[in-house]
Amino acid sequence: ALRVNVLFKHIQRMIGGAEIGAVMAETGDSWFNCQKLRLPEGCGYEFQMQYGSIGWSVGALLGYAQAVQKRVVACIGDGSFQVTAQDVSTMLRCGQRSIIFLINNGGYTIEVEIHDGPYNVIKNWDYVGLVNAIHNGEGRCWATRVRCEEELEAAIATATGDKADSLCFIEVVAHKDDTSKELLEWGSRVSAANSRPPNPQ
């Protein structure tokens, strides 16, 4: 499996060298990892923390990418993607060229850090197969799965090179316990707050 910090090292390098209009950070560990990115001038940054709605970024990516000329990069967890994956269909119909990094760690990692349990493990999908099925030969789409740094480097080179005119979907296979230190701290604080006895007013 690929380390998430290695993934974001290469995303940082890609953003610095490509024409990127915005970064979309899905609810979850992508909140914390994307906040460490150094964005070039004029590059937008969107995330939704007020309600913590998982799956938000897929539809947000669809709308944002329709409004800007440059490509948009999205970092989305597997659990979140399962909620709103069908919006990829409209992205293709609209001819969008976003780059989606699907971080597949086998569950709701942010929930694991708040309150662990079997309900945080999700059914693994063939995400690349799903995107290819949605593509169905119509429009421009390229999907791949990476498990190591060398494969990631090659995928980013393809997404920003030969497939720069396509919607690019890169599934990144990560370990289920690979989380940022910020999420670990935040999760423990939220868990402690949730464990307080009721305080009726």
N, C-alpha and C. Protein backbone atom coordinates (compact mmCIF):
# COMPACT_ATOMS: atom_id res chain seq x y z
N ALA A 1 0.84 -1.19 0.00
CA ALA A 1 0.00 0.00 0.00
C ALA A 1 0.88 1.25 0.00
N LEU A 2 0.35 2.32 -0.55
CA LEU A 2 1.07 3.59 -0.65
C LEU A 2 0.82 4.43 0.60
N ARG A 3 1.85 5.06 1.12
CA ARG A 3 1.68 5.96 2.27
C ARG A 3 0.99 7.24 1.81
N VAL A 4 0.04 7.71 2.62
CA VAL A 4 -0.73 8.89 2.25
C VAL A 4 0.16 10.13 2.18
N ASN A 5 1.14 10.24 3.07
CA ASN A 5 2.02 11.41 3.02
C ASN A 5 2.84 11.43 1.73
N VAL A 6 3.16 10.26 1.20
CA VAL A 6 3.86 10.19 -0.09
C VAL A 6 2.93 10.65 -1.21
N LEU A 7 1.67 10.25 -1.15
CA LEU A 7 0.69 10.71 -2.13
C LEU A 7 0.64 12.22 -2.18
N PHE A 8 0.53 12.86 -1.01
CA PHE A 8 0.38 14.31 -0.99
C PHE A 8 1.67 15.03 -1.35
N LYS A 9 2.81 14.40 -1.16
CA LYS A 9 4.07 14.97 -1.65
C LYS A 9 4.02 15.11 -3.16
N HIS A 10 3.48 14.09 -3.82
CA HIS A 10 3.42 14.13 -5.28
C HIS A 10 2.28 15.02 -5.78
N ILE A 11 1.18 15.10 -5.02
CA ILE A 11 0.12 16.05 -5.38
C ILE A 11 0.66 17.47 -5.30
N GLN A 12 1.43 17.77 -4.26
CA GLN A 12 2.04 19.09 -4.13
C GLN A 12 2.92 19.41 -5.34
N ARG A 13 3.73 18.47 -5.73
CA ARG A 13 4.62 18.66 -6.88
C ARG A 13 3.81 18.88 -8.15
N MET A 14 2.73 18.12 -8.31
CA MET A 14 1.89 18.25 -9.49
C MET A 14 1.22 19.62 -9.56
N ILE A 15 0.71 20.08 -8.42
CA ILE A 15 0.03 21.37 -8.39
C ILE A 15 0.98 22.50 -8.76
N GLY A 16 2.23 22.37 -8.34
CA GLY A 16 3.21 23.40 -8.65
C GLY A 16 3.60 23.44 -10.11
N GLY A 17 3.42 22.33 -10.82
CA GLY A 17 3.89 22.28 -12.20
C GLY A 17 2.81 22.22 -13.25
N ALA A 18 1.55 22.13 -12.84
CA ALA A 18 0.45 22.01 -13.81
C ALA A 18 -0.52 23.18 -13.64
N GLU A 19 -1.34 23.38 -14.65
CA GLU A 19 -2.34 24.45 -14.60
C GLU A 19 -3.56 23.93 -13.84
N ILE A 20 -3.58 24.16 -12.54
CA ILE A 20 -4.65 23.67 -11.67
C ILE A 20 -5.48 24.85 -11.18
N GLY A 21 -6.80 24.77 -11.37
CA GLY A 21 -7.67 25.87 -10.99
C GLY A 21 -8.12 25.83 -9.56
N ALA A 22 -8.19 24.63 -8.97
CA ALA A 22 -8.67 24.52 -7.59
C ALA A 22 -8.37 23.13 -7.05
N VAL A 23 -8.39 23.04 -5.73
CA VAL A 23 -8.28 21.76 -5.02
C VAL A 23 -9.53 21.58 -4.19
N MET A 24 -10.16 20.41 -4.29
CA MET A 24 -11.34 20.08 -3.50
C MET A 24 -10.95 19.03 -2.47
N ALA A 25 -11.20 19.32 -1.19
CA ALA A 25 -10.85 18.40 -0.11
C ALA A 25 -12.13 17.80 0.47
N GLU A 26 -12.28 16.49 0.33
CA GLU A 26 -13.45 15.80 0.86
C GLU A 26 -13.43 15.78 2.39
N THR A 27 -14.59 15.64 2.98
CA THR A 27 -14.72 15.46 4.42
C THR A 27 -13.94 14.22 4.84
N GLY A 28 -13.11 14.36 5.88
CA GLY A 28 -12.30 13.24 6.35
C GLY A 28 -10.85 13.64 6.46
N ASP A 29 -9.96 12.68 6.31
CA ASP A 29 -8.53 12.97 6.46
C ASP A 29 -8.02 13.90 5.37
N SER A 30 -8.71 13.96 4.24
CA SER A 30 -8.30 14.91 3.20
C SER A 30 -8.40 16.35 3.68
N TRP A 31 -9.30 16.63 4.63
CA TRP A 31 -9.33 17.96 5.27
C TRP A 31 -7.93 18.36 5.70
N PHE A 32 -7.33 17.49 6.49
CA PHE A 32 -6.06 17.82 7.14
C PHE A 32 -4.88 17.73 6.19
N ASN A 33 -4.90 16.77 5.29
CA ASN A 33 -3.80 16.63 4.35
C ASN A 33 -3.78 17.75 3.31
N CYS A 34 -4.95 18.14 2.83
CA CYS A 34 -4.99 19.20 1.82
C CYS A 34 -4.64 20.57 2.40
N GLN A 35 -4.89 20.78 3.69
CA GLN A 35 -4.56 22.07 4.30
C GLN A 35 -3.06 22.32 4.34
N LYS A 36 -2.26 21.28 4.17
CA LYS A 36 -0.80 21.44 4.18
C LYS A 36 -0.26 21.78 2.79
N LEU A 37 -1.10 21.71 1.78
CA LEU A 37 -0.64 22.00 0.42
C LEU A 37 -0.35 23.49 0.25
N ARG A 38 0.68 23.81 -0.48
CA ARG A 38 1.00 25.19 -0.84
C ARG A 38 0.48 25.42 -2.26
N LEU A 39 -0.55 26.23 -2.35
CA LEU A 39 -1.23 26.42 -3.63
C LEU A 39 -0.64 27.62 -4.37
N PRO A 40 -0.54 27.52 -5.69
CA PRO A 40 -0.07 28.67 -6.47
C PRO A 40 -1.11 29.79 -6.45
N GLU A 41 -0.67 30.98 -6.74
CA GLU A 41 -1.56 32.13 -6.75
C GLU A 41 -2.71 31.89 -7.73
N GLY A 42 -3.92 32.20 -7.28
CA GLY A 42 -5.10 32.04 -8.12
C GLY A 42 -5.74 30.67 -8.07
N CYS A 43 -5.12 29.73 -7.37
CA CYS A 43 -5.68 28.38 -7.25
C CYS A 43 -6.69 28.35 -6.11
N GLY A 44 -7.91 27.96 -6.40
CA GLY A 44 -8.94 27.90 -5.37
C GLY A 44 -8.77 26.71 -4.44
N TYR A 45 -9.44 26.80 -3.30
CA TYR A 45 -9.40 25.70 -2.33
C TYR A 45 -10.78 25.60 -1.70
N GLU A 46 -11.39 24.45 -1.82
CA GLU A 46 -12.75 24.27 -1.31
C GLU A 46 -12.82 23.04 -0.40
N PHE A 47 -13.44 23.23 0.77
CA PHE A 47 -13.75 22.10 1.63
C PHE A 47 -14.97 22.47 2.45
N GLN A 48 -15.61 21.47 3.03
CA GLN A 48 -16.89 21.69 3.72
C GLN A 48 -16.80 21.03 5.08
N MET A 49 -16.61 21.86 6.11
CA MET A 49 -16.42 21.30 7.44
C MET A 49 -17.60 21.58 8.37
N GLN A 50 -18.43 22.54 8.01
CA GLN A 50 -19.50 22.96 8.93
C GLN A 50 -20.43 21.81 9.29
N TYR A 51 -20.83 21.03 8.29
CA TYR A 51 -21.75 19.93 8.53
C TYR A 51 -21.05 18.57 8.48
N GLY A 52 -19.85 18.52 7.96
CA GLY A 52 -19.13 17.25 7.87
C GLY A 52 -19.83 16.23 6.99
N SER A 53 -20.39 16.68 5.89
CA SER A 53 -21.18 15.80 5.02
C SER A 53 -20.26 14.99 4.11
N ILE A 54 -20.20 13.67 4.31
CA ILE A 54 -19.36 12.85 3.44
C ILE A 54 -20.00 12.74 2.06
N GLY A 55 -19.16 12.68 1.06
CA GLY A 55 -19.62 12.63 -0.32
C GLY A 55 -19.83 13.98 -0.95
N TRP A 56 -19.69 15.03 -0.15
CA TRP A 56 -19.93 16.40 -0.62
C TRP A 56 -19.08 16.77 -1.82
N SER A 57 -17.81 16.34 -1.80
CA SER A 57 -16.87 16.86 -2.79
C SER A 57 -17.14 16.38 -4.21
N VAL A 58 -17.82 15.26 -4.38
CA VAL A 58 -18.04 14.74 -5.74
C VAL A 58 -18.97 15.68 -6.50
N GLY A 59 -20.09 16.03 -5.90
CA GLY A 59 -20.99 16.98 -6.53
C GLY A 59 -20.40 18.38 -6.60
N ALA A 60 -19.65 18.77 -5.57
CA ALA A 60 -19.00 20.08 -5.57
C ALA A 60 -17.98 20.17 -6.70
N LEU A 61 -17.26 19.08 -6.91
CA LEU A 61 -16.29 19.03 -8.01
C LEU A 61 -17.00 19.20 -9.35
N LEU A 62 -18.11 18.53 -9.52
CA LEU A 62 -18.88 18.64 -10.75
C LEU A 62 -19.25 20.09 -11.03
N GLY A 63 -19.78 20.78 -10.03
CA GLY A 63 -20.18 22.17 -10.22
C GLY A 63 -19.02 23.11 -10.42
N TYR A 64 -17.98 22.95 -9.62
CA TYR A 64 -16.83 23.85 -9.68
C TYR A 64 -16.11 23.71 -11.02
N ALA A 65 -15.91 22.47 -11.45
CA ALA A 65 -15.18 22.24 -12.70
C ALA A 65 -15.93 22.78 -13.91
N GLN A 66 -17.24 22.90 -13.79
CA GLN A 66 -18.03 23.42 -14.90
C GLN A 66 -17.82 24.93 -15.06
N ALA A 67 -17.36 25.58 -13.99
CA ALA A 67 -17.26 27.03 -13.99
C ALA A 67 -15.86 27.56 -14.28
N VAL A 68 -14.84 26.71 -14.18
CA VAL A 68 -13.47 27.19 -14.36
C VAL A 68 -12.85 26.57 -15.60
N GLN A 69 -11.86 27.26 -16.16
CA GLN A 69 -11.19 26.77 -17.36
C GLN A 69 -10.09 25.76 -17.02
N LYS A 70 -9.41 25.97 -15.91
CA LYS A 70 -8.31 25.09 -15.53
C LYS A 70 -8.85 23.80 -14.90
N ARG A 71 -7.99 22.82 -14.79
CA ARG A 71 -8.38 21.54 -14.19
C ARG A 71 -8.54 21.68 -12.68
N VAL A 72 -9.38 20.85 -12.13
CA VAL A 72 -9.61 20.82 -10.68
C VAL A 72 -9.13 19.47 -10.16
N VAL A 73 -8.47 19.49 -9.01
CA VAL A 73 -7.98 18.28 -8.36
C VAL A 73 -8.85 17.99 -7.15
N ALA A 74 -9.30 16.76 -7.00
CA ALA A 74 -10.12 16.37 -5.85
C ALA A 74 -9.47 15.21 -5.12
N CYS A 75 -9.46 15.29 -3.79
CA CYS A 75 -8.96 14.21 -2.94
C CYS A 75 -10.14 13.67 -2.15
N ILE A 76 -10.53 12.42 -2.43
CA ILE A 76 -11.77 11.86 -1.92
C ILE A 76 -11.51 10.48 -1.32
N GLY A 77 -12.06 10.23 -0.15
CA GLY A 77 -11.95 8.91 0.46
C GLY A 77 -12.95 7.94 -0.15
N ASP A 78 -12.67 6.65 0.00
CA ASP A 78 -13.53 5.63 -0.61
C ASP A 78 -14.93 5.64 -0.02
N GLY A 79 -15.05 5.82 1.29
CA GLY A 79 -16.37 5.84 1.91
C GLY A 79 -17.21 7.00 1.42
N SER A 80 -16.60 8.16 1.29
CA SER A 80 -17.31 9.34 0.79
C SER A 80 -17.72 9.16 -0.66
N PHE A 81 -16.82 8.61 -1.46
CA PHE A 81 -17.10 8.44 -2.89
C PHE A 81 -18.29 7.52 -3.12
N GLN A 82 -18.45 6.52 -2.25
CA GLN A 82 -19.56 5.58 -2.44
C GLN A 82 -20.93 6.26 -2.30
N VAL A 83 -20.98 7.41 -1.65
CA VAL A 83 -22.26 8.09 -1.44
C VAL A 83 -22.73 8.79 -2.71
N THR A 84 -21.81 9.34 -3.49
CA THR A 84 -22.20 10.21 -4.61
C THR A 84 -21.45 9.89 -5.90
N ALA A 85 -20.99 8.67 -6.06
CA ALA A 85 -20.14 8.29 -7.20
C ALA A 85 -20.80 8.55 -8.55
N GLN A 86 -22.13 8.51 -8.60
CA GLN A 86 -22.82 8.61 -9.88
C GLN A 86 -22.61 9.96 -10.57
N ASP A 87 -22.15 10.98 -9.82
CA ASP A 87 -21.91 12.28 -10.44
C ASP A 87 -20.77 12.24 -11.46
N VAL A 88 -19.95 11.20 -11.41
CA VAL A 88 -18.91 11.03 -12.42
C VAL A 88 -19.55 10.97 -13.81
N SER A 89 -20.73 10.41 -13.90
CA SER A 89 -21.43 10.31 -15.18
C SER A 89 -21.67 11.69 -15.79
N THR A 90 -22.13 12.63 -14.97
CA THR A 90 -22.38 13.98 -15.48
C THR A 90 -21.08 14.70 -15.80
N MET A 91 -20.03 14.44 -15.01
CA MET A 91 -18.72 15.03 -15.33
C MET A 91 -18.29 14.64 -16.73
N LEU A 92 -18.48 13.36 -17.07
CA LEU A 92 -18.11 12.88 -18.40
C LEU A 92 -19.00 13.48 -19.48
N ARG A 93 -20.28 13.57 -19.19
CA ARG A 93 -21.21 14.13 -20.18
C ARG A 93 -20.88 15.58 -20.49
N CYS A 94 -20.36 16.28 -19.47
CA CYS A 94 -20.01 17.70 -19.63
C CYS A 94 -18.59 17.90 -20.14
N GLY A 95 -17.87 16.82 -20.36
CA GLY A 95 -16.52 16.92 -20.90
C GLY A 95 -15.50 17.49 -19.93
N GLN A 96 -15.69 17.28 -18.65
CA GLN A 96 -14.77 17.84 -17.66
C GLN A 96 -13.44 17.07 -17.62
N ARG A 97 -12.40 17.76 -17.14
CA ARG A 97 -11.04 17.21 -17.17
C ARG A 97 -10.41 17.15 -15.78
N SER A 98 -11.21 17.01 -14.77
CA SER A 98 -10.69 16.99 -13.40
C SER A 98 -9.80 15.78 -13.16
N ILE A 99 -9.00 15.86 -12.10
CA ILE A 99 -8.18 14.74 -11.65
C ILE A 99 -8.68 14.33 -10.27
N ILE A 100 -9.21 13.13 -10.16
CA ILE A 100 -9.73 12.62 -8.89
C ILE A 100 -8.74 11.63 -8.30
N PHE A 101 -8.30 11.91 -7.08
CA PHE A 101 -7.51 10.94 -6.33
C PHE A 101 -8.45 10.26 -5.34
N LEU A 102 -8.75 9.00 -5.58
CA LEU A 102 -9.62 8.22 -4.70
C LEU A 102 -8.73 7.47 -3.72
N ILE A 103 -8.79 7.86 -2.45
CA ILE A 103 -7.94 7.24 -1.43
C ILE A 103 -8.70 6.06 -0.83
N ASN A 104 -8.27 4.86 -1.21
CA ASN A 104 -8.96 3.64 -0.80
C ASN A 104 -8.25 3.02 0.40
N ASN A 105 -8.80 3.26 1.59
CA ASN A 105 -8.24 2.66 2.80
C ASN A 105 -9.24 1.74 3.49
N GLY A 106 -10.30 1.39 2.79
CA GLY A 106 -11.20 0.35 3.27
C GLY A 106 -12.18 0.74 4.35
N GLY A 107 -12.45 2.03 4.51
CA GLY A 107 -13.43 2.36 5.55
C GLY A 107 -13.56 3.85 5.80
N TYR A 108 -14.39 4.17 6.80
CA TYR A 108 -14.61 5.55 7.22
C TYR A 108 -13.54 5.92 8.25
N THR A 109 -12.37 6.28 7.78
CA THR A 109 -11.23 6.50 8.67
C THR A 109 -11.51 7.57 9.71
N ILE A 110 -12.17 8.64 9.30
CA ILE A 110 -12.43 9.72 10.26
C ILE A 110 -13.34 9.24 11.39
N GLU A 111 -14.28 8.35 11.07
CA GLU A 111 -15.16 7.82 12.10
C GLU A 111 -14.43 6.83 13.01
N VAL A 112 -13.47 6.10 12.44
CA VAL A 112 -12.67 5.17 13.25
C VAL A 112 -11.95 5.93 14.36
N GLU A 113 -11.46 7.13 14.04
CA GLU A 113 -10.70 7.90 15.03
C GLU A 113 -11.62 8.54 16.07
N ILE A 114 -12.92 8.63 15.79
CA ILE A 114 -13.87 9.17 16.77
C ILE A 114 -14.47 8.05 17.61
N HIS A 115 -14.98 7.02 16.95
CA HIS A 115 -15.62 5.90 17.66
C HIS A 115 -15.53 4.68 16.76
N ASP A 116 -14.58 3.81 17.05
CA ASP A 116 -14.34 2.67 16.18
C ASP A 116 -15.41 1.59 16.36
N GLY A 117 -15.63 0.83 15.31
CA GLY A 117 -16.60 -0.25 15.35
C GLY A 117 -16.71 -0.88 13.98
N PRO A 118 -17.38 -2.04 13.90
CA PRO A 118 -17.49 -2.75 12.61
C PRO A 118 -18.26 -1.97 11.56
N TYR A 119 -19.07 -1.01 11.98
CA TYR A 119 -19.86 -0.21 11.03
C TYR A 119 -18.98 0.76 10.25
N ASN A 120 -17.72 0.91 10.62
CA ASN A 120 -16.81 1.79 9.89
C ASN A 120 -16.05 1.08 8.78
N VAL A 121 -16.26 -0.23 8.65
CA VAL A 121 -15.65 -0.99 7.56
C VAL A 121 -16.65 -1.05 6.41
N ILE A 122 -16.20 -0.72 5.21
CA ILE A 122 -17.14 -0.68 4.09
C ILE A 122 -16.79 -1.76 3.07
N LYS A 123 -17.76 -2.05 2.20
CA LYS A 123 -17.55 -3.00 1.10
C LYS A 123 -16.59 -2.38 0.09
N ASN A 124 -15.54 -3.10 -0.23
CA ASN A 124 -14.60 -2.59 -1.22
C ASN A 124 -15.19 -2.73 -2.62
N TRP A 125 -15.09 -1.67 -3.40
CA TRP A 125 -15.56 -1.69 -4.78
C TRP A 125 -14.37 -1.81 -5.74
N ASP A 126 -14.66 -2.24 -6.93
CA ASP A 126 -13.70 -2.12 -8.03
C ASP A 126 -13.91 -0.71 -8.59
N TYR A 127 -13.26 0.27 -7.98
CA TYR A 127 -13.51 1.66 -8.33
C TYR A 127 -13.11 1.97 -9.77
N VAL A 128 -11.99 1.44 -10.20
CA VAL A 128 -11.56 1.66 -11.58
C VAL A 128 -12.56 1.03 -12.54
N GLY A 129 -13.01 -0.18 -12.23
CA GLY A 129 -14.01 -0.84 -13.05
C GLY A 129 -15.32 -0.07 -13.09
N LEU A 130 -15.70 0.51 -11.94
CA LEU A 130 -16.93 1.31 -11.87
C LEU A 130 -16.84 2.53 -12.77
N VAL A 131 -15.74 3.26 -12.67
CA VAL A 131 -15.57 4.46 -13.49
C VAL A 131 -15.53 4.09 -14.97
N ASN A 132 -14.88 3.00 -15.30
CA ASN A 132 -14.85 2.56 -16.70
C ASN A 132 -16.24 2.17 -17.19
N ALA A 133 -17.04 1.57 -16.30
CA ALA A 133 -18.42 1.21 -16.68
C ALA A 133 -19.26 2.46 -16.90
N ILE A 134 -19.08 3.47 -16.04
CA ILE A 134 -19.79 4.74 -16.22
C ILE A 134 -19.34 5.40 -17.52
N HIS A 135 -18.07 5.34 -17.80
CA HIS A 135 -17.52 5.91 -19.04
C HIS A 135 -18.16 5.26 -20.26
N ASN A 136 -18.15 3.93 -20.29
CA ASN A 136 -18.83 3.16 -21.34
C ASN A 136 -18.45 3.60 -22.75
N GLY A 137 -17.21 4.04 -22.91
CA GLY A 137 -16.74 4.41 -24.24
C GLY A 137 -17.22 5.75 -24.74
N GLU A 138 -17.94 6.51 -23.92
CA GLU A 138 -18.46 7.81 -24.34
C GLU A 138 -17.73 8.92 -23.59
N GLY A 139 -17.14 9.84 -24.33
CA GLY A 139 -16.39 10.92 -23.70
C GLY A 139 -14.94 10.52 -23.46
N ARG A 140 -14.22 11.39 -22.76
CA ARG A 140 -12.80 11.15 -22.51
C ARG A 140 -12.59 10.85 -21.03
N CYS A 141 -12.10 9.66 -20.75
CA CYS A 141 -11.92 9.23 -19.37
C CYS A 141 -10.74 8.26 -19.29
N TRP A 142 -9.97 8.40 -18.21
CA TRP A 142 -8.87 7.47 -17.96
C TRP A 142 -8.85 7.13 -16.48
N ALA A 143 -8.83 5.86 -16.16
CA ALA A 143 -8.86 5.42 -14.76
C ALA A 143 -7.77 4.39 -14.53
N THR A 144 -7.13 4.49 -13.36
CA THR A 144 -6.07 3.54 -13.03
C THR A 144 -5.99 3.35 -11.52
N ARG A 145 -5.32 2.29 -11.12
CA ARG A 145 -5.13 1.98 -9.69
C ARG A 145 -3.64 1.95 -9.40
N VAL A 146 -3.22 2.57 -8.29
CA VAL A 146 -1.79 2.57 -7.94
C VAL A 146 -1.62 2.04 -6.52
N ARG A 147 -0.52 1.32 -6.32
CA ARG A 147 -0.23 0.72 -5.01
C ARG A 147 1.15 1.10 -4.48
N CYS A 148 1.95 1.79 -5.28
CA CYS A 148 3.30 2.16 -4.84
C CYS A 148 3.67 3.51 -5.45
N GLU A 149 4.77 4.07 -4.97
CA GLU A 149 5.16 5.41 -5.41
C GLU A 149 5.47 5.47 -6.90
N GLU A 150 6.12 4.44 -7.41
CA GLU A 150 6.48 4.44 -8.83
C GLU A 150 5.23 4.45 -9.71
N GLU A 151 4.22 3.68 -9.32
CA GLU A 151 2.96 3.67 -10.08
C GLU A 151 2.26 5.01 -9.98
N LEU A 152 2.32 5.65 -8.81
CA LEU A 152 1.71 6.96 -8.64
C LEU A 152 2.38 7.99 -9.54
N GLU A 153 3.69 8.00 -9.55
CA GLU A 153 4.43 8.95 -10.40
C GLU A 153 4.05 8.77 -11.86
N ALA A 154 3.95 7.53 -12.30
CA ALA A 154 3.58 7.25 -13.69
C ALA A 154 2.16 7.70 -13.98
N ALA A 155 1.25 7.49 -13.02
CA ALA A 155 -0.15 7.88 -13.21
C ALA A 155 -0.29 9.39 -13.31
N ILE A 156 0.40 10.12 -12.44
CA ILE A 156 0.34 11.58 -12.49
C ILE A 156 0.93 12.10 -13.79
N ALA A 157 2.02 11.49 -14.24
CA ALA A 157 2.62 11.89 -15.51
C ALA A 157 1.65 11.69 -16.67
N THR A 158 0.91 10.59 -16.64
CA THR A 158 -0.08 10.33 -17.69
C THR A 158 -1.25 11.31 -17.60
N ALA A 159 -1.74 11.54 -16.37
CA ALA A 159 -2.89 12.42 -16.17
C ALA A 159 -2.60 13.85 -16.60
N THR A 160 -1.36 14.29 -16.41
CA THR A 160 -0.99 15.66 -16.77
C THR A 160 -0.34 15.73 -18.15
N GLY A 161 -0.15 14.59 -18.79
CA GLY A 161 0.47 14.54 -20.11
C GLY A 161 -0.48 14.04 -21.17
N ASP A 162 -0.38 12.77 -21.50
CA ASP A 162 -1.18 12.20 -22.59
C ASP A 162 -2.68 12.31 -22.35
N LYS A 163 -3.11 12.28 -21.08
CA LYS A 163 -4.55 12.31 -20.77
C LYS A 163 -4.98 13.65 -20.20
N ALA A 164 -4.27 14.72 -20.55
CA ALA A 164 -4.60 16.04 -20.02
C ALA A 164 -5.96 16.54 -20.49
N ASP A 165 -6.49 15.95 -21.56
CA ASP A 165 -7.80 16.35 -22.07
C ASP A 165 -8.92 15.47 -21.55
N SER A 166 -8.62 14.62 -20.56
CA SER A 166 -9.59 13.63 -20.08
C SER A 166 -9.89 13.80 -18.60
N LEU A 167 -11.03 13.28 -18.18
CA LEU A 167 -11.29 13.10 -16.76
C LEU A 167 -10.39 11.97 -16.29
N CYS A 168 -9.59 12.23 -15.27
CA CYS A 168 -8.63 11.22 -14.80
C CYS A 168 -8.98 10.79 -13.38
N PHE A 169 -9.03 9.49 -13.19
CA PHE A 169 -9.41 8.90 -11.91
C PHE A 169 -8.28 7.99 -11.46
N ILE A 170 -7.64 8.35 -10.35
CA ILE A 170 -6.51 7.58 -9.85
C ILE A 170 -6.87 7.02 -8.48
N GLU A 171 -7.09 5.71 -8.44
CA GLU A 171 -7.37 5.05 -7.16
C GLU A 171 -6.04 4.75 -6.47
N VAL A 172 -5.90 5.26 -5.25
CA VAL A 172 -4.68 5.07 -4.47
C VAL A 172 -4.98 4.10 -3.34
N VAL A 173 -4.37 2.93 -3.37
CA VAL A 173 -4.59 1.93 -2.33
C VAL A 173 -3.69 2.25 -1.14
N ALA A 174 -4.33 2.57 0.01
CA ALA A 174 -3.61 2.96 1.22
C ALA A 174 -3.96 2.00 2.36
N HIS A 175 -3.13 1.97 3.38
CA HIS A 175 -3.39 1.12 4.55
C HIS A 175 -4.50 1.73 5.38
N LYS A 176 -5.33 0.90 5.97
CA LYS A 176 -6.50 1.40 6.71
C LYS A 176 -6.12 2.22 7.93
N ASP A 177 -4.93 2.03 8.48
CA ASP A 177 -4.52 2.77 9.67
C ASP A 177 -3.60 3.95 9.36
N ASP A 178 -3.44 4.27 8.10
CA ASP A 178 -2.55 5.36 7.70
C ASP A 178 -3.32 6.67 7.74
N THR A 179 -3.17 7.41 8.85
CA THR A 179 -3.88 8.67 9.01
C THR A 179 -2.91 9.77 9.42
N SER A 180 -3.35 11.00 9.23
CA SER A 180 -2.53 12.14 9.63
C SER A 180 -2.56 12.31 11.14
N LYS A 181 -1.51 12.90 11.69
CA LYS A 181 -1.48 13.14 13.14
C LYS A 181 -2.56 14.14 13.54
N GLU A 182 -2.92 15.03 12.61
CA GLU A 182 -3.98 16.00 12.90
C GLU A 182 -5.33 15.31 13.08
N LEU A 183 -5.60 14.30 12.25
CA LEU A 183 -6.86 13.57 12.41
C LEU A 183 -6.87 12.79 13.72
N LEU A 184 -5.75 12.20 14.09
CA LEU A 184 -5.67 11.47 15.35
C LEU A 184 -5.99 12.38 16.52
N GLU A 185 -5.43 13.59 16.51
CA GLU A 185 -5.68 14.53 17.60
C GLU A 185 -7.12 15.02 17.58
N TRP A 186 -7.60 15.38 16.40
CA TRP A 186 -8.97 15.88 16.27
C TRP A 186 -9.98 14.81 16.67
N GLY A 187 -9.74 13.57 16.21
CA GLY A 187 -10.65 12.48 16.53
C GLY A 187 -10.74 12.21 18.02
N SER A 188 -9.59 12.28 18.72
CA SER A 188 -9.61 12.04 20.16
C SER A 188 -10.36 13.14 20.89
N ARG A 189 -10.24 14.37 20.42
CA ARG A 189 -10.97 15.49 21.04
C ARG A 189 -12.48 15.36 20.82
N VAL A 190 -12.86 15.00 19.60
CA VAL A 190 -14.30 14.83 19.32
C VAL A 190 -14.85 13.65 20.11
N SER A 191 -14.08 12.58 20.19
CA SER A 191 -14.51 11.41 20.96
C SER A 191 -14.73 11.77 22.42
N ALA A 192 -13.81 12.55 22.98
CA ALA A 192 -13.95 12.97 24.38
C ALA A 192 -15.18 13.84 24.56
N ALA A 193 -15.42 14.74 23.61
CA ALA A 193 -16.60 15.61 23.70
C ALA A 193 -17.89 14.79 23.59
N ASN A 194 -17.89 13.80 22.72
CA ASN A 194 -19.08 12.96 22.54
C ASN A 194 -19.35 12.08 23.75
N SER A 195 -18.32 11.83 24.57
CA SER A 195 -18.46 10.93 25.72
C SER A 195 -18.93 11.64 26.98
N ARG A 196 -19.09 12.95 26.91
CA ARG A 196 -19.54 13.68 28.10
C ARG A 196 -20.97 13.31 28.45
N PRO A 197 -21.31 13.33 29.72
CA PRO A 197 -22.71 13.05 30.10
C PRO A 197 -23.63 14.16 29.60
N PRO A 198 -24.89 13.84 29.40
CA PRO A 198 -25.84 14.86 28.93
C PRO A 198 -25.91 16.03 29.90
N ASN A 199 -26.15 17.20 29.34
CA ASN A 199 -26.27 18.41 30.15
C ASN A 199 -27.58 19.11 29.79
N PRO A 200 -28.69 18.62 30.34
CA PRO A 200 -29.99 19.22 29.98
C PRO A 200 -30.06 20.67 30.43
N GLN A 201 -30.61 21.49 29.58
CA GLN A 201 -30.70 22.93 29.87
C GLN A 201 -32.04 23.26 30.52
